[in-house]
Amino acid sequence: MGSTDRPDLAAMLAPLTRSLIAMERPVLEAHGLSMWGYSVLIALSRGPARGQGVLAQEIGADKTRIIAVLDDLQKHGLIDRTPDPADRRARLLELTTEGRRIVTRTQAEIQSREEQQVLRHLPPADRRGFLSALRTLAELPRDGIDDNPGAD
């Protein structure tokens, strides 16, 4: 197994991520959402985005691929695309009231059912530590993830 006593992070996280995505898929489908659509709604639940390029970068999607996702979400009344007052060529993307309701309900269902099936395997203290560490890592900026302020 190399020079350490554990697999690398990607080797541990990838199977877990695939399992979580598979567990979430029926919940998303029940709410009429794709995984990319849900990713957009989650990102916009934190606040409006200035253009599809910015949003695509935030969620790790190809900016040309996201257009169809945004079209679908707008068609279903879950997001609004309005001219950005600071730059009329750009569009401001934000959740509608219905979009906020759907993302809140979907996220609550995923966290209370699917995630609990996984997290129940950890003692409560480990669960809190795992979620805290994951939140810290998830909040790192994509382009600054390799910055190392106090490593090892």
C-alpha atoms as a PDB file:
ATOM      1  CA  MET A   1       0.000   0.000   0.000  1.00  0.00           C
ATOM      2  CA  GLY A   2       2.922   2.348  -0.443  1.00  0.00           C
ATOM      3  CA  SER A   3       4.656   4.242   2.325  1.00  0.00           C
ATOM      4  CA  THR A   4       1.523   4.980   4.381  1.00  0.00           C
ATOM      5  CA  ASP A   5      -0.957   2.820   6.188  1.00  0.00           C
ATOM      6  CA  ARG A   6      -3.988   4.147   4.326  1.00  0.00           C
ATOM      7  CA  PRO A   7      -5.221   4.675   0.769  1.00  0.00           C
ATOM      8  CA  ASP A   8      -5.043   8.176  -0.671  1.00  0.00           C
ATOM      9  CA  LEU A   9      -8.003  10.503  -0.106  1.00  0.00           C
ATOM     10  CA  ALA A  10      -9.421  10.151  -3.626  1.00  0.00           C
ATOM     11  CA  ALA A  11      -9.321   6.356  -3.342  1.00  0.00           C
ATOM     12  CA  MET A  12     -11.357   6.565  -0.133  1.00  0.00           C
ATOM     13  CA  LEU A  13     -13.736   9.330  -1.164  1.00  0.00           C
ATOM     14  CA  ALA A  14     -14.566   8.227  -4.721  1.00  0.00           C
ATOM     15  CA  PRO A  15     -16.458   5.027  -3.768  1.00  0.00           C
ATOM     16  CA  LEU A  16     -18.274   6.880  -0.988  1.00  0.00           C
ATOM     17  CA  THR A  17     -19.202   9.691  -3.377  1.00  0.00           C
ATOM     18  CA  ARG A  18     -20.496   7.222  -5.980  1.00  0.00           C
ATOM     19  CA  SER A  19     -22.596   5.482  -3.317  1.00  0.00           C
ATOM     20  CA  LEU A  20     -24.010   8.768  -2.035  1.00  0.00           C
ATOM     21  CA  ILE A  21     -24.903   9.897  -5.562  1.00  0.00           C
ATOM     22  CA  ALA A  22     -26.671   6.593  -6.198  1.00  0.00           C
ATOM     23  CA  MET A  23     -28.564   6.941  -2.897  1.00  0.00           C
ATOM     24  CA  GLU A  24     -29.588  10.532  -3.696  1.00  0.00           C
ATOM     25  CA  ARG A  25     -30.729   9.890  -7.270  1.00  0.00           C
ATOM     26  CA  PRO A  26     -34.248   8.555  -6.374  1.00  0.00           C
ATOM     27  CA  VAL A  27     -34.859  11.535  -4.066  1.00  0.00           C
ATOM     28  CA  LEU A  28     -33.786  13.961  -6.787  1.00  0.00           C
ATOM     29  CA  GLU A  29     -35.953  12.212  -9.370  1.00  0.00           C
ATOM     30  CA  ALA A  30     -38.939  12.347  -7.003  1.00  0.00           C
ATOM     31  CA  HIS A  31     -38.476  16.136  -6.942  1.00  0.00           C
ATOM     32  CA  GLY A  32     -37.953  16.361 -10.714  1.00  0.00           C
ATOM     33  CA  LEU A  33     -34.252  17.208 -10.452  1.00  0.00           C
ATOM     34  CA  SER A  34     -31.096  15.966 -12.106  1.00  0.00           C
ATOM     35  CA  MET A  35     -27.835  15.851 -10.156  1.00  0.00           C
ATOM     36  CA  TRP A  36     -26.582  18.919 -12.087  1.00  0.00           C
ATOM     37  CA  GLY A  37     -29.886  20.709 -11.489  1.00  0.00           C
ATOM     38  CA  TYR A  38     -29.612  20.010  -7.773  1.00  0.00           C
ATOM     39  CA  SER A  39     -26.002  21.231  -7.786  1.00  0.00           C
ATOM     40  CA  VAL A  40     -27.149  24.504  -9.370  1.00  0.00           C
ATOM     41  CA  LEU A  41     -29.953  24.935  -6.830  1.00  0.00           C
ATOM     42  CA  ILE A  42     -27.600  24.244  -3.910  1.00  0.00           C
ATOM     43  CA  ALA A  43     -25.099  26.799  -5.234  1.00  0.00           C
ATOM     44  CA  LEU A  44     -27.810  29.421  -5.778  1.00  0.00           C
ATOM     45  CA  SER A  45     -29.234  28.773  -2.308  1.00  0.00           C
ATOM     46  CA  ARG A  46     -26.057  30.475  -1.019  1.00  0.00           C
ATOM     47  CA  GLY A  47     -26.867  33.565  -3.102  1.00  0.00           C
ATOM     48  CA  PRO A  48     -27.206  34.799  -6.689  1.00  0.00           C
ATOM     49  CA  ALA A  49     -24.518  34.067  -9.271  1.00  0.00           C
ATOM     50  CA  ARG A  50     -23.220  36.572 -11.792  1.00  0.00           C
ATOM     51  CA  GLY A  51     -23.502  34.570 -14.988  1.00  0.00           C
ATOM     52  CA  GLN A  52     -23.468  30.954 -16.044  1.00  0.00           C
ATOM     53  CA  GLY A  53     -19.659  30.889 -16.337  1.00  0.00           C
ATOM     54  CA  VAL A  54     -19.216  31.843 -12.689  1.00  0.00           C
ATOM     55  CA  LEU A  55     -21.842  29.329 -11.611  1.00  0.00           C
ATOM     56  CA  ALA A  56     -20.361  26.569 -13.777  1.00  0.00           C
ATOM     57  CA  GLN A  57     -16.942  27.155 -12.263  1.00  0.00           C
ATOM     58  CA  GLU A  58     -18.373  27.079  -8.743  1.00  0.00           C
ATOM     59  CA  ILE A  59     -20.036  23.694  -9.226  1.00  0.00           C
ATOM     60  CA  GLY A  60     -17.330  22.212 -11.458  1.00  0.00           C
ATOM     61  CA  ALA A  61     -19.454  21.984 -14.591  1.00  0.00           C
ATOM     62  CA  ASP A  62     -18.632  22.791 -18.184  1.00  0.00           C
ATOM     63  CA  LYS A  63     -20.106  26.239 -18.917  1.00  0.00           C
ATOM     64  CA  THR A  64     -21.591  25.126 -22.243  1.00  0.00           C
ATOM     65  CA  ARG A  65     -23.175  22.020 -20.704  1.00  0.00           C
ATOM     66  CA  ILE A  66     -24.849  23.981 -17.933  1.00  0.00           C
ATOM     67  CA  ILE A  67     -27.012  25.996 -20.367  1.00  0.00           C
ATOM     68  CA  ALA A  68     -29.507  23.144 -20.843  1.00  0.00           C
ATOM     69  CA  VAL A  69     -29.653  22.610 -17.075  1.00  0.00           C
ATOM     70  CA  LEU A  70     -30.382  26.305 -16.497  1.00  0.00           C
ATOM     71  CA  ASP A  71     -32.995  26.310 -19.271  1.00  0.00           C
ATOM     72  CA  ASP A  72     -34.762  23.358 -17.641  1.00  0.00           C
ATOM     73  CA  LEU A  73     -34.675  24.896 -14.159  1.00  0.00           C
ATOM     74  CA  GLN A  74     -36.025  28.177 -15.514  1.00  0.00           C
ATOM     75  CA  LYS A  75     -38.754  26.388 -17.512  1.00  0.00           C
ATOM     76  CA  HIS A  76     -39.894  24.722 -14.261  1.00  0.00           C
ATOM     77  CA  GLY A  77     -39.926  28.049 -12.400  1.00  0.00           C
ATOM     78  CA  LEU A  78     -37.034  27.191 -10.068  1.00  0.00           C
ATOM     79  CA  ILE A  79     -34.582  29.925 -11.125  1.00  0.00           C
ATOM     80  CA  ASP A  80     -34.705  33.393 -12.640  1.00  0.00           C
ATOM     81  CA  ARG A  81     -32.176  34.814 -15.088  1.00  0.00           C
ATOM     82  CA  THR A  82     -32.321  38.595 -15.137  1.00  0.00           C
ATOM     83  CA  PRO A  83     -30.002  41.227 -16.579  1.00  0.00           C
ATOM     84  CA  ASP A  84     -27.229  42.114 -14.146  1.00  0.00           C
ATOM     85  CA  PRO A  85     -27.654  45.798 -13.189  1.00  0.00           C
ATOM     86  CA  ALA A  86     -23.849  46.154 -13.114  1.00  0.00           C
ATOM     87  CA  ASP A  87     -23.409  44.637 -16.595  1.00  0.00           C
ATOM     88  CA  ARG A  88     -26.457  44.388 -18.853  1.00  0.00           C
ATOM     89  CA  ARG A  89     -24.703  41.788 -21.060  1.00  0.00           C
ATOM     90  CA  ALA A  90     -24.507  39.380 -18.119  1.00  0.00           C
ATOM     91  CA  ARG A  91     -27.343  37.505 -16.428  1.00  0.00           C
ATOM     92  CA  LEU A  92     -27.909  37.323 -12.697  1.00  0.00           C
ATOM     93  CA  LEU A  93     -29.011  33.815 -11.701  1.00  0.00           C
ATOM     94  CA  GLU A  94     -31.086  33.313  -8.566  1.00  0.00           C
ATOM     95  CA  LEU A  95     -33.605  30.978  -7.016  1.00  0.00           C
ATOM     96  CA  THR A  96     -37.314  31.639  -7.233  1.00  0.00           C
ATOM     97  CA  THR A  97     -39.507  31.049  -4.193  1.00  0.00           C
ATOM     98  CA  GLU A  98     -40.399  27.633  -5.640  1.00  0.00           C
ATOM     99  CA  GLY A  99     -36.723  26.874  -6.293  1.00  0.00           C
ATOM    100  CA  ARG A 100     -35.869  27.676  -2.678  1.00  0.00           C
ATOM    101  CA  ARG A 101     -38.740  25.467  -1.478  1.00  0.00           C
ATOM    102  CA  ILE A 102     -37.653  22.532  -3.669  1.00  0.00           C
ATOM    103  CA  VAL A 103     -33.958  22.729  -2.758  1.00  0.00           C
ATOM    104  CA  THR A 104     -34.750  23.061   0.964  1.00  0.00           C
ATOM    105  CA  ARG A 105     -37.132  20.106   0.913  1.00  0.00           C
ATOM    106  CA  THR A 106     -34.811  17.938  -1.211  1.00  0.00           C
ATOM    107  CA  GLN A 107     -31.728  18.682   0.893  1.00  0.00           C
ATOM    108  CA  ALA A 108     -33.613  17.972   4.128  1.00  0.00           C
ATOM    109  CA  GLU A 109     -34.821  14.647   2.751  1.00  0.00           C
ATOM    110  CA  ILE A 110     -31.343  13.643   1.596  1.00  0.00           C
ATOM    111  CA  GLN A 111     -29.744  14.598   4.902  1.00  0.00           C
ATOM    112  CA  SER A 112     -32.373  12.965   7.090  1.00  0.00           C
ATOM    113  CA  ARG A 113     -32.606   9.692   5.164  1.00  0.00           C
ATOM    114  CA  GLU A 114     -29.773   8.860   2.792  1.00  0.00           C
ATOM    115  CA  GLU A 115     -26.924  10.517   4.659  1.00  0.00           C
ATOM    116  CA  GLN A 116     -28.030   9.045   7.959  1.00  0.00           C
ATOM    117  CA  GLN A 117     -27.719   5.550   6.466  1.00  0.00           C
ATOM    118  CA  VAL A 118     -24.009   6.268   6.016  1.00  0.00           C
ATOM    119  CA  LEU A 119     -23.333   8.398   9.086  1.00  0.00           C
ATOM    120  CA  ARG A 120     -24.956   5.911  11.477  1.00  0.00           C
ATOM    121  CA  HIS A 121     -21.830   3.764  11.040  1.00  0.00           C
ATOM    122  CA  LEU A 122     -19.810   6.369  12.968  1.00  0.00           C
ATOM    123  CA  PRO A 123     -20.006   7.092  16.692  1.00  0.00           C
ATOM    124  CA  PRO A 124     -21.599  10.536  17.347  1.00  0.00           C
ATOM    125  CA  ALA A 125     -18.274  12.241  18.157  1.00  0.00           C
ATOM    126  CA  ASP A 126     -16.652  10.871  14.996  1.00  0.00           C
ATOM    127  CA  ARG A 127     -19.710  11.921  12.990  1.00  0.00           C
ATOM    128  CA  ARG A 128     -19.413  15.518  14.235  1.00  0.00           C
ATOM    129  CA  GLY A 129     -15.658  15.547  13.553  1.00  0.00           C
ATOM    130  CA  PHE A 130     -16.083  14.064  10.083  1.00  0.00           C
ATOM    131  CA  LEU A 131     -18.765  16.607   9.125  1.00  0.00           C
ATOM    132  CA  SER A 132     -16.725  19.485  10.549  1.00  0.00           C
ATOM    133  CA  ALA A 133     -13.576  18.447   8.673  1.00  0.00           C
ATOM    134  CA  LEU A 134     -15.517  17.855   5.457  1.00  0.00           C
ATOM    135  CA  ARG A 135     -17.165  21.279   5.710  1.00  0.00           C
ATOM    136  CA  THR A 136     -13.750  22.934   6.176  1.00  0.00           C
ATOM    137  CA  LEU A 137     -12.300  21.135   3.152  1.00  0.00           C
ATOM    138  CA  ALA A 138     -15.390  21.770   1.010  1.00  0.00           C
ATOM    139  CA  GLU A 139     -15.187  25.511   1.698  1.00  0.00           C
ATOM    140  CA  LEU A 140     -11.628  25.809   0.374  1.00  0.00           C
ATOM    141  CA  PRO A 141     -11.534  27.776  -2.876  1.00  0.00           C
ATOM    142  CA  ARG A 142     -10.962  25.477  -5.861  1.00  0.00           C
ATOM    143  CA  ASP A 143      -7.894  27.394  -6.997  1.00  0.00           C
ATOM    144  CA  GLY A 144      -6.443  27.581  -3.480  1.00  0.00           C
ATOM    145  CA  ILE A 145      -6.841  23.990  -2.373  1.00  0.00           C
ATOM    146  CA  ASP A 146      -3.116  23.356  -2.718  1.00  0.00           C
ATOM    147  CA  ASP A 147      -2.203  26.370  -0.556  1.00  0.00           C
ATOM    148  CA  ASN A 148      -0.808  24.981   2.673  1.00  0.00           C
ATOM    149  CA  PRO A 149      -0.965  27.394   5.620  1.00  0.00           C
ATOM    150  CA  GLY A 150      -0.126  24.864   8.368  1.00  0.00           C
ATOM    151  CA  ALA A 151       0.387  21.475   6.796  1.00  0.00           C
ATOM    152  CA  ASP A 152       1.339  18.072   8.044  1.00  0.00           C
END
